Amino acid sequence: MEGGYARWWLCIAVTIGILMLAAEGHSVPDSTEVYEFVFWFGGQGPDPGEFNGPNGMGSDWRGNLYVCDSGNHRVQKFDNLGNFLMMFGEEGAEPGQFIWAVDVAVDEEGFIYVCDYDRYEGDSSWVQKFDSLGNFVLRWGGADSHEPGDLDWPQGIAIGDSQYVFVGDLGYRIQRFTPDGEFDALWTHPDTTAHGGRSVATYPGSVYTTWATGEDYVFRHDPVGNIILSFGGGGLVDFVSDLATDSHGNLYCGDWWQRRISKFDSLGNFVTMWGSGGPQPWPSLDIAGIAVDAHDAVYVSDFTQDRVAKYRRTVVSVKDEPQGSLELHTPFQLRQNCPNPFSAQTVISYAIGGAASERSPAETYEGGVVNVHLAVYNLLGQQVRTLLHERQGPGEYSVVWDGRSDDGRRVASGIYTYQLQVDDQVVRRRSVLIR
């Protein structure tokens, strides 16, 4: 890690539920979940701690992170501070070697399971098992096949109840194996077999899957494949590259095409999302893998930028402050923007010298003209947009903010503060932008 990136960046996600409530005329909730960007680690290269296409990820009960470094044909292990701990694997098709390591999972005893396949020849698909030190133990699979127990380009892997190993492959199925690689069960897409299994995650009593469909849904199964519920669709998730669960049973979907992470609770209710290729911590956010550690911190691998980012959850209030508490003893008013939340543009209104009906000569400024500065800030206190900077007299005013920065770029979804400064006095309010 570079010291400069120890600085906190906030990646804000506002729930679709807030937008729906606002659209239906209901009150906006007092708070929303926010995922703060903590740091990134990695960078392009072949050295320990560097990546060449970081892909699927997993974590162990100690909070350590395992990353499939596909282009370097290895798996790397890091602690929850991003410090490199060990790596294993090399290029090749022999036991303990990798052609294209794509996903990794760790069981309660510390054994590490890795999906590996030949993405060019298509004749070598394996799950390889290693001990906690990275020593090869066994592997199963081999030549691509649709037969039960064989593998066809395995894409996702997770450890479930009783240490069963669940593998999703492009052979249109999810398969369950014992820790020794013995085939145990299989299920396919609930509607048709013309879809490739892609991502899989587990939680006690549940297995979550996604499939290579045109419009993704997430399916929650019991451990033998019976569907408990399905959710998503409608563009909420699109091309899910990886899944992960936290200690409370929440599910995180890494969406490659939409470049964002979506979070759902165990009943499939949408909770929040963040990402969307925003300007921080980097512009691309090509999500190849996602993992949640023992402390429920979320890690995201960016395949293009060769980095892994760490995020942590907090809750931010979005409740409007009472007008009186904001503007006590100030001879001007700043009103709540409308609409709020908004997606395209919003109107910010204010009054100099108080509202016209309430103003008295004693409340106006000497000379009648004052310096007025109206600007928008992110939650780091950085100015995003100057909306107004001029001298004005008493009266009612309105300004439109189109959700863009000073350089004309659309800013990311999130919570922003707009600030009105009149001479040396300042008031602020919050605004919620949803793309």
Protein backbone atom coordinates (compact mmCIF):
# COMPACT_ATOMS: atom_id res chain seq x y z
CA MET A 1 0.00 0.00 0.00
CA GLU A 2 1.07 3.55 -0.63
CA GLY A 3 0.83 5.93 2.28
CA GLY A 4 -1.10 8.45 0.24
CA TYR A 5 -3.99 6.02 -0.04
CA ALA A 6 -4.40 5.77 3.71
CA ARG A 7 -6.68 8.75 3.24
CA TRP A 8 -10.33 7.89 3.48
CA TRP A 9 -12.55 8.09 0.42
CA LEU A 10 -16.26 7.67 0.77
CA CYS A 11 -18.12 5.60 -1.78
CA ILE A 12 -21.79 6.37 -1.08
CA ALA A 13 -24.66 4.06 -1.83
CA VAL A 14 -28.25 5.24 -1.36
CA THR A 15 -30.93 2.58 -1.33
CA ILE A 16 -33.47 2.23 -4.10
CA GLY A 17 -35.99 1.99 -1.27
CA ILE A 18 -35.38 5.66 -0.48
CA LEU A 19 -36.09 6.60 -4.07
CA MET A 20 -39.28 4.55 -4.14
CA LEU A 21 -40.52 6.07 -0.91
CA ALA A 22 -39.85 9.55 -2.16
CA ALA A 23 -41.54 8.85 -5.51
CA GLU A 24 -44.64 7.58 -3.71
CA GLY A 25 -44.84 10.65 -1.52
CA HIS A 26 -43.69 8.94 1.68
CA SER A 27 -41.15 10.40 4.05
CA VAL A 28 -37.48 9.70 3.39
CA PRO A 29 -35.84 7.42 6.01
CA ASP A 30 -33.67 9.10 8.62
CA SER A 31 -30.54 7.20 7.62
CA THR A 32 -28.98 5.07 4.91
CA GLU A 33 -26.06 2.67 4.70
CA VAL A 34 -22.76 3.99 3.45
CA TYR A 35 -19.72 1.94 2.49
CA GLU A 36 -16.51 3.85 3.13
CA PHE A 37 -13.47 3.15 1.02
CA VAL A 38 -10.69 2.26 3.47
CA PHE A 39 -7.66 1.51 1.28
CA TRP A 40 -6.47 -0.40 -1.74
CA PHE A 41 -3.51 -2.69 -2.18
CA GLY A 42 -1.77 -4.38 -5.07
CA GLY A 43 -0.73 -2.85 -8.38
CA GLN A 44 0.36 -4.46 -11.62
CA GLY A 45 3.36 -6.78 -11.52
CA PRO A 46 4.73 -10.27 -10.81
CA ASP A 47 6.18 -9.61 -7.36
CA PRO A 48 4.58 -10.74 -4.08
CA GLY A 49 1.62 -8.49 -3.31
CA GLU A 50 1.23 -7.43 -6.95
CA PHE A 51 -1.36 -8.69 -9.42
CA ASN A 52 -1.89 -9.49 -13.06
CA GLY A 53 -5.67 -9.75 -13.23
CA PRO A 54 -6.95 -10.27 -9.66
CA ASN A 55 -10.03 -12.46 -9.92
CA GLY A 56 -12.24 -14.35 -7.45
CA MET A 57 -11.56 -14.06 -3.72
CA GLY A 58 -12.27 -15.81 -0.46
CA SER A 59 -11.63 -15.32 3.26
CA ASP A 60 -10.99 -17.44 6.33
CA TRP A 61 -12.35 -17.20 9.87
CA ARG A 62 -9.32 -15.17 10.99
CA GLY A 63 -10.17 -12.40 8.53
CA ASN A 64 -7.39 -13.18 6.04
CA LEU A 65 -8.06 -12.65 2.34
CA TYR A 66 -7.20 -15.01 -0.54
CA VAL A 67 -6.98 -13.63 -4.09
CA CYS A 68 -6.80 -15.57 -7.34
CA ASP A 69 -4.04 -13.80 -9.26
CA SER A 70 -5.08 -15.29 -12.59
CA GLY A 71 -2.49 -13.79 -14.94
CA ASN A 72 0.35 -14.70 -12.56
CA HIS A 73 -1.02 -18.26 -12.15
CA ARG A 74 -1.12 -18.20 -8.37
CA VAL A 75 -3.18 -17.50 -5.25
CA GLN A 76 -2.04 -14.84 -2.80
CA LYS A 77 -2.94 -14.47 0.88
CA PHE A 78 -3.18 -11.14 2.74
CA ASP A 79 -4.19 -10.05 6.22
CA ASN A 80 -7.06 -7.60 6.74
CA LEU A 81 -4.64 -4.67 6.51
CA GLY A 82 -3.60 -5.70 3.02
CA ASN A 83 -0.21 -7.04 4.11
CA PHE A 84 1.12 -9.89 1.96
CA LEU A 85 1.40 -13.19 3.84
CA MET A 86 2.10 -15.94 1.33
CA MET A 87 1.45 -17.20 -2.19
CA PHE A 88 1.37 -20.57 -3.91
CA GLY A 89 1.06 -21.93 -7.43
CA GLU A 90 2.82 -21.44 -10.75
CA GLU A 91 1.95 -21.71 -14.42
CA GLY A 92 1.22 -25.21 -15.67
CA ALA A 93 -1.29 -28.04 -15.81
CA GLU A 94 0.31 -30.34 -13.23
CA PRO A 95 -1.05 -30.79 -9.69
CA GLY A 96 -0.45 -27.64 -7.67
CA GLN A 97 -0.07 -25.51 -10.80
CA PHE A 98 -2.62 -23.14 -12.34
CA ILE A 99 -3.63 -22.31 -15.88
CA TRP A 100 -6.29 -19.73 -14.97
CA ALA A 101 -7.21 -19.68 -11.26
CA VAL A 102 -10.62 -18.02 -11.17
CA ASP A 103 -12.11 -18.43 -7.67
CA VAL A 104 -11.09 -19.58 -4.20
CA ALA A 105 -12.77 -20.65 -0.95
CA VAL A 106 -11.45 -21.66 2.48
CA ASP A 107 -13.07 -24.15 4.87
CA GLU A 108 -13.19 -24.09 8.65
CA GLU A 109 -10.03 -26.21 8.94
CA GLY A 110 -8.03 -23.86 6.73
CA PHE A 111 -8.01 -25.98 3.58
CA ILE A 112 -8.02 -23.89 0.42
CA TYR A 113 -10.02 -24.82 -2.69
CA VAL A 114 -9.29 -23.21 -6.06
CA CYS A 115 -11.20 -23.34 -9.36
CA ASP A 116 -8.81 -23.57 -12.33
CA TYR A 117 -9.38 -24.12 -16.04
CA ASP A 118 -7.82 -23.70 -19.46
CA ARG A 119 -9.79 -20.86 -21.03
CA TYR A 120 -8.19 -21.36 -24.46
CA GLU A 121 -8.03 -25.11 -25.02
CA GLY A 122 -11.05 -25.98 -22.91
CA ASP A 123 -9.75 -29.43 -22.02
CA SER A 124 -8.63 -28.92 -18.44
CA SER A 125 -10.99 -28.00 -15.60
CA TRP A 126 -10.10 -28.63 -11.98
CA VAL A 127 -10.85 -27.93 -8.37
CA GLN A 128 -7.56 -28.10 -6.48
CA LYS A 129 -7.26 -28.44 -2.72
CA PHE A 130 -4.33 -27.10 -0.67
CA ASP A 131 -3.52 -27.06 3.03
CA SER A 132 -3.26 -23.83 5.02
CA LEU A 133 0.40 -23.44 3.99
CA GLY A 134 -0.37 -23.75 0.29
CA ASN A 135 0.81 -27.33 -0.10
CA PHE A 136 -1.06 -29.33 -2.73
CA VAL A 137 -3.41 -31.99 -1.32
CA LEU A 138 -5.59 -33.26 -4.16
CA ARG A 139 -7.62 -32.23 -7.18
CA TRP A 140 -10.68 -33.42 -9.07
CA GLY A 141 -12.15 -32.76 -12.49
CA GLY A 142 -9.97 -33.03 -15.57
CA ALA A 143 -11.20 -32.97 -19.16
CA ASP A 144 -14.28 -30.82 -19.69
CA SER A 145 -17.42 -32.92 -19.45
CA HIS A 146 -21.12 -32.57 -18.70
CA GLU A 147 -21.20 -35.81 -16.72
CA PRO A 148 -22.07 -35.53 -13.00
CA GLY A 149 -18.90 -35.06 -11.01
CA ASP A 150 -16.94 -33.72 -13.98
CA LEU A 151 -16.29 -30.01 -14.49
CA ASP A 152 -16.77 -27.69 -17.42
CA TRP A 153 -14.99 -24.36 -16.92
CA PRO A 154 -15.69 -23.95 -13.17
CA GLN A 155 -16.50 -20.33 -12.37
CA GLY A 156 -17.44 -20.11 -8.70
CA ILE A 157 -16.76 -22.05 -5.50
CA ALA A 158 -18.00 -21.85 -1.91
CA ILE A 159 -17.91 -23.95 1.27
CA GLY A 160 -21.28 -24.78 2.80
CA ASP A 161 -22.78 -26.80 5.63
CA SER A 162 -20.81 -29.88 6.72
CA GLN A 163 -17.86 -28.57 4.69
CA TYR A 164 -19.50 -29.48 1.38
CA VAL A 165 -17.87 -27.79 -1.61
CA PHE A 166 -20.28 -26.11 -4.06
CA VAL A 167 -19.00 -25.45 -7.58
CA GLY A 168 -20.73 -23.52 -10.38
CA ASP A 169 -19.52 -24.20 -13.92
CA LEU A 170 -20.52 -23.44 -17.49
CA GLY A 171 -21.97 -26.94 -17.77
CA TYR A 172 -25.33 -25.43 -16.75
CA ARG A 173 -25.23 -26.59 -13.14
CA ILE A 174 -24.19 -26.25 -9.53
CA GLN A 175 -22.50 -29.36 -8.14
CA ARG A 176 -21.89 -30.39 -4.55
CA PHE A 177 -18.79 -32.35 -3.53
CA THR A 178 -17.37 -33.70 -0.30
CA PRO A 179 -14.09 -32.16 0.95
CA ASP A 180 -12.33 -35.12 -0.70
CA GLY A 181 -13.79 -34.31 -4.10
CA GLU A 182 -16.46 -37.00 -4.21
CA PHE A 183 -19.55 -36.00 -6.20
CA ASP A 184 -22.67 -35.73 -4.03
CA ALA A 185 -25.44 -33.72 -5.75
CA LEU A 186 -26.24 -31.54 -8.76
CA TRP A 187 -28.86 -29.03 -9.82
CA THR A 188 -29.42 -26.84 -12.86
CA HIS A 189 -31.12 -23.56 -13.69
CA PRO A 190 -34.77 -23.78 -12.51
CA ASP A 191 -36.26 -22.77 -15.88
CA THR A 192 -33.98 -24.17 -18.58
CA THR A 193 -30.61 -25.84 -19.02
CA ALA A 194 -29.52 -23.28 -21.61
CA HIS A 195 -27.73 -21.19 -19.04
CA GLY A 196 -24.26 -21.48 -17.55
CA GLY A 197 -23.78 -21.56 -13.79
CA ARG A 198 -21.48 -18.77 -12.75
CA SER A 199 -21.39 -17.57 -9.15
CA VAL A 200 -22.09 -19.30 -5.87
CA ALA A 201 -22.01 -18.29 -2.19
CA THR A 202 -23.19 -19.97 0.99
CA TYR A 203 -24.61 -19.20 4.41
CA PRO A 204 -25.74 -21.80 6.98
CA GLY A 205 -28.76 -23.53 5.47
CA SER A 206 -28.56 -21.62 2.18
CA VAL A 207 -26.76 -21.61 -1.17
CA TYR A 208 -26.94 -18.51 -3.40
CA THR A 209 -26.42 -18.81 -7.15
CA THR A 210 -26.51 -16.69 -10.29
CA TRP A 211 -26.55 -17.87 -13.90
CA ALA A 212 -25.32 -16.56 -17.23
CA THR A 213 -28.71 -15.27 -18.29
CA GLY A 214 -29.55 -12.08 -20.17
CA GLU A 215 -31.22 -10.62 -17.09
CA ASP A 216 -29.72 -11.90 -13.87
CA TYR A 217 -31.68 -13.14 -10.92
CA VAL A 218 -30.20 -14.40 -7.68
CA PHE A 219 -31.53 -17.71 -6.40
CA ARG A 220 -31.43 -18.82 -2.81
CA HIS A 221 -31.50 -22.62 -2.46
CA ASP A 222 -31.38 -25.04 0.40
CA PRO A 223 -28.22 -27.21 0.52
CA VAL A 224 -29.70 -29.80 -1.87
CA GLY A 225 -30.85 -27.32 -4.52
CA ASN A 226 -34.50 -26.63 -3.70
CA ILE A 227 -35.35 -22.99 -4.38
CA ILE A 228 -36.24 -20.94 -1.31
CA LEU A 229 -36.66 -17.63 -3.15
CA SER A 230 -35.35 -15.58 -6.07
CA PHE A 231 -34.74 -11.85 -6.38
CA GLY A 232 -33.02 -9.26 -8.53
CA GLY A 233 -33.94 -8.81 -12.17
CA GLY A 234 -35.22 -5.60 -13.68
CA GLY A 235 -31.66 -4.34 -14.06
CA LEU A 236 -30.96 -4.46 -10.34
CA VAL A 237 -28.18 -6.93 -11.05
CA ASP A 238 -26.88 -7.60 -14.54
CA PHE A 239 -23.69 -9.64 -14.91
CA VAL A 240 -22.74 -10.95 -11.47
CA SER A 241 -19.08 -11.91 -11.43
CA ASP A 242 -18.94 -13.02 -7.79
CA LEU A 243 -21.07 -13.41 -4.66
CA ALA A 244 -20.27 -13.23 -0.94
CA THR A 245 -22.20 -13.35 2.34
CA ASP A 246 -21.53 -11.70 5.69
CA SER A 247 -22.05 -12.92 9.26
CA HIS A 248 -25.67 -11.70 9.28
CA GLY A 249 -26.66 -13.52 6.10
CA ASN A 250 -26.60 -10.46 3.84
CA LEU A 251 -25.58 -11.12 0.26
CA TYR A 252 -23.18 -8.99 -1.82
CA CYS A 253 -23.24 -9.16 -5.62
CA GLY A 254 -20.27 -7.94 -7.62
CA ASP A 255 -21.70 -6.68 -10.92
CA TRP A 256 -19.12 -6.55 -13.73
CA TRP A 257 -21.28 -4.79 -16.34
CA GLN A 258 -22.79 -2.20 -14.00
CA ARG A 259 -19.50 -1.77 -12.11
CA ARG A 260 -21.09 -1.78 -8.70
CA ILE A 261 -21.74 -3.86 -5.60
CA SER A 262 -25.35 -4.53 -4.62
CA LYS A 263 -26.31 -5.70 -1.14
CA PHE A 264 -29.44 -7.71 -0.26
CA ASP A 265 -30.68 -9.09 3.03
CA SER A 266 -31.40 -12.79 3.51
CA LEU A 267 -34.99 -12.34 2.31
CA GLY A 268 -33.85 -10.81 -0.97
CA ASN A 269 -34.71 -7.24 -0.02
CA PHE A 270 -32.43 -4.67 -1.61
CA VAL A 271 -30.33 -2.85 1.00
CA THR A 272 -27.80 -0.62 -0.76
CA MET A 273 -25.28 -0.37 -3.58
CA TRP A 274 -22.05 1.44 -4.33
CA GLY A 275 -19.55 1.76 -7.13
CA SER A 276 -20.90 2.52 -10.64
CA GLY A 277 -17.43 3.39 -11.88
CA GLY A 278 -17.30 6.61 -9.92
CA PRO A 279 -14.20 8.82 -9.68
CA GLN A 280 -12.91 7.32 -6.43
CA PRO A 281 -11.02 5.28 -5.53
CA TRP A 282 -10.39 4.68 -9.26
CA PRO A 283 -12.50 5.14 -12.36
CA SER A 284 -12.95 1.65 -13.82
CA LEU A 285 -13.97 -0.74 -11.00
CA ASP A 286 -14.10 -3.83 -13.22
CA ILE A 287 -15.33 -6.15 -10.49
CA ALA A 288 -13.99 -9.68 -10.84
CA GLY A 289 -14.22 -10.85 -7.23
CA ILE A 290 -15.84 -9.95 -3.93
CA ALA A 291 -15.23 -11.25 -0.41
CA VAL A 292 -16.39 -10.42 3.12
CA ASP A 293 -14.06 -11.03 6.06
CA ALA A 294 -14.82 -12.14 9.61
CA HIS A 295 -15.44 -8.50 10.60
CA ASP A 296 -17.88 -7.95 7.69
CA ALA A 297 -15.50 -5.68 5.80
CA VAL A 298 -16.01 -5.98 2.05
CA TYR A 299 -13.17 -6.49 -0.44
CA VAL A 300 -13.51 -5.95 -4.19
CA SER A 301 -10.96 -6.97 -6.82
CA ASP A 302 -10.59 -4.70 -9.85
CA PHE A 303 -9.38 -6.88 -12.71
CA THR A 304 -8.32 -3.98 -14.95
CA GLN A 305 -6.55 -1.86 -12.35
CA ASP A 306 -4.83 -4.87 -10.68
CA ARG A 307 -5.93 -3.77 -7.23
CA VAL A 308 -8.11 -4.87 -4.35
CA ALA A 309 -10.18 -2.33 -2.42
CA LYS A 310 -11.48 -2.61 1.11
CA TYR A 311 -14.74 -1.03 2.25
CA ARG A 312 -16.48 -0.87 5.59
CA ARG A 313 -20.06 -0.11 6.53
CA THR A 314 -21.37 2.90 8.39
CA VAL A 315 -24.74 4.62 8.66
CA VAL A 316 -25.28 8.23 7.62
CA SER A 317 -28.25 10.37 8.60
CA VAL A 318 -30.20 11.89 5.75
CA LYS A 319 -32.97 13.42 7.85
CA ASP A 320 -33.61 17.09 7.21
CA GLU A 321 -32.49 19.34 10.03
CA PRO A 322 -35.17 21.61 11.51
CA GLN A 323 -35.21 24.99 9.82
CA GLY A 324 -34.90 26.91 13.05
CA SER A 325 -31.83 25.01 14.29
CA LEU A 326 -30.05 25.59 11.01
CA GLU A 327 -30.71 29.28 10.72
CA LEU A 328 -30.96 30.59 14.26
CA HIS A 329 -29.79 34.23 14.42
CA THR A 330 -29.03 34.34 10.68
CA PRO A 331 -30.67 37.03 8.49
CA PHE A 332 -31.16 34.59 5.61
CA GLN A 333 -32.73 31.18 4.94
CA LEU A 334 -31.58 28.10 3.05
CA ARG A 335 -34.40 25.74 2.15
CA GLN A 336 -34.39 22.01 1.51
CA ASN A 337 -33.71 21.22 -2.13
CA CYS A 338 -36.63 19.90 -4.16
CA PRO A 339 -36.94 17.15 -5.21
CA ASN A 340 -34.89 15.25 -2.65
CA PRO A 341 -33.72 12.58 -3.42
CA PHE A 342 -33.19 13.52 -7.07
CA SER A 343 -31.67 11.91 -10.15
CA ALA A 344 -31.41 14.55 -12.90
CA GLN A 345 -31.61 17.98 -11.31
CA THR A 346 -32.84 19.68 -8.16
CA VAL A 347 -33.77 23.24 -7.16
CA ILE A 348 -32.10 24.94 -4.22
CA SER A 349 -33.97 27.98 -2.89
CA TYR A 350 -32.84 30.60 -0.39
CA ALA A 351 -33.80 34.04 0.89
CA ILE A 352 -31.58 36.99 1.75
CA GLY A 353 -32.85 39.04 4.68
CA GLY A 354 -35.33 36.31 5.72
CA ALA A 355 -38.51 35.34 3.94
CA ALA A 356 -40.23 38.24 2.23
CA SER A 357 -43.26 38.01 4.51
CA GLU A 358 -41.11 37.95 7.64
CA ARG A 359 -38.41 40.46 6.78
CA SER A 360 -38.09 43.72 8.69
CA PRO A 361 -35.66 46.59 8.12
CA ALA A 362 -33.63 45.46 11.10
CA GLU A 363 -33.02 42.07 9.43
CA THR A 364 -31.52 43.47 6.24
CA TYR A 365 -27.85 44.15 5.80
CA GLU A 366 -26.49 47.63 5.84
CA GLY A 367 -26.29 48.83 2.26
CA GLY A 368 -28.73 46.09 1.13
CA VAL A 369 -26.15 44.10 -0.89
CA VAL A 370 -24.13 41.17 0.45
CA ASN A 371 -21.58 38.63 -0.80
CA VAL A 372 -23.32 35.32 -1.55
CA HIS A 373 -21.58 32.00 -2.22
CA LEU A 374 -23.56 28.79 -2.83
CA ALA A 375 -21.62 25.56 -3.38
CA VAL A 376 -21.99 21.77 -3.21
CA TYR A 377 -19.58 19.55 -1.22
CA ASN A 378 -19.05 15.82 -0.86
CA LEU A 379 -18.85 14.12 2.53
CA LEU A 380 -15.10 14.71 2.67
CA GLY A 381 -15.74 18.43 2.63
CA GLN A 382 -14.34 18.80 -0.89
CA GLN A 383 -16.08 21.35 -3.06
CA VAL A 384 -17.78 19.65 -6.02
CA ARG A 385 -19.62 22.53 -7.68
CA THR A 386 -19.87 26.30 -7.28
CA LEU A 387 -23.46 27.23 -8.03
CA LEU A 388 -23.28 30.93 -7.30
CA HIS A 389 -20.70 33.55 -6.33
CA GLU A 390 -21.93 37.12 -6.55
CA ARG A 391 -23.35 40.08 -4.65
CA GLN A 392 -27.09 40.10 -4.06
CA GLY A 393 -29.68 42.21 -2.29
CA PRO A 394 -32.61 41.09 -0.12
CA GLY A 395 -35.02 38.76 -1.88
CA GLU A 396 -36.00 35.20 -2.83
CA TYR A 397 -33.65 33.19 -5.08
CA SER A 398 -33.45 29.73 -6.65
CA VAL A 399 -30.58 27.84 -8.28
CA VAL A 400 -30.66 24.56 -10.19
CA TRP A 401 -28.00 21.89 -9.64
CA ASP A 402 -27.82 19.32 -12.43
CA GLY A 403 -25.75 16.77 -10.49
CA ARG A 404 -22.51 17.72 -12.24
CA SER A 405 -19.15 18.92 -11.00
CA ASP A 406 -17.42 22.16 -11.95
CA ASP A 407 -15.75 20.44 -14.90
CA GLY A 408 -19.10 19.19 -16.25
CA ARG A 409 -18.82 15.55 -15.22
CA ARG A 410 -21.72 13.70 -13.60
CA VAL A 411 -20.97 13.02 -9.95
CA ALA A 412 -21.62 9.64 -8.37
CA SER A 413 -24.73 8.72 -6.40
CA GLY A 414 -24.48 9.72 -2.77
CA ILE A 415 -25.12 12.29 -0.09
CA TYR A 416 -23.94 15.83 -0.74
CA THR A 417 -23.97 18.97 1.35
CA TYR A 418 -24.90 22.31 -0.18
CA GLN A 419 -23.70 25.38 1.67
CA LEU A 420 -24.88 28.97 1.56
CA GLN A 421 -22.42 31.59 2.76
CA VAL A 422 -23.62 35.17 3.16
CA ASP A 423 -20.68 37.38 4.06
CA ASP A 424 -19.18 35.52 7.04
CA GLN A 425 -22.24 33.45 8.03
CA VAL A 426 -22.86 29.90 6.81
CA VAL A 427 -25.74 27.38 6.74
CA ARG A 428 -25.80 23.90 5.22
CA ARG A 429 -28.24 21.19 4.18
CA ARG A 430 -28.01 17.65 2.84
CA SER A 431 -29.06 16.43 -0.58
CA VAL A 432 -29.39 12.86 -1.85
CA LEU A 433 -28.44 12.08 -5.47
CA ILE A 434 -29.46 8.75 -7.00
CA ARG A 435 -28.36 7.79 -10.50
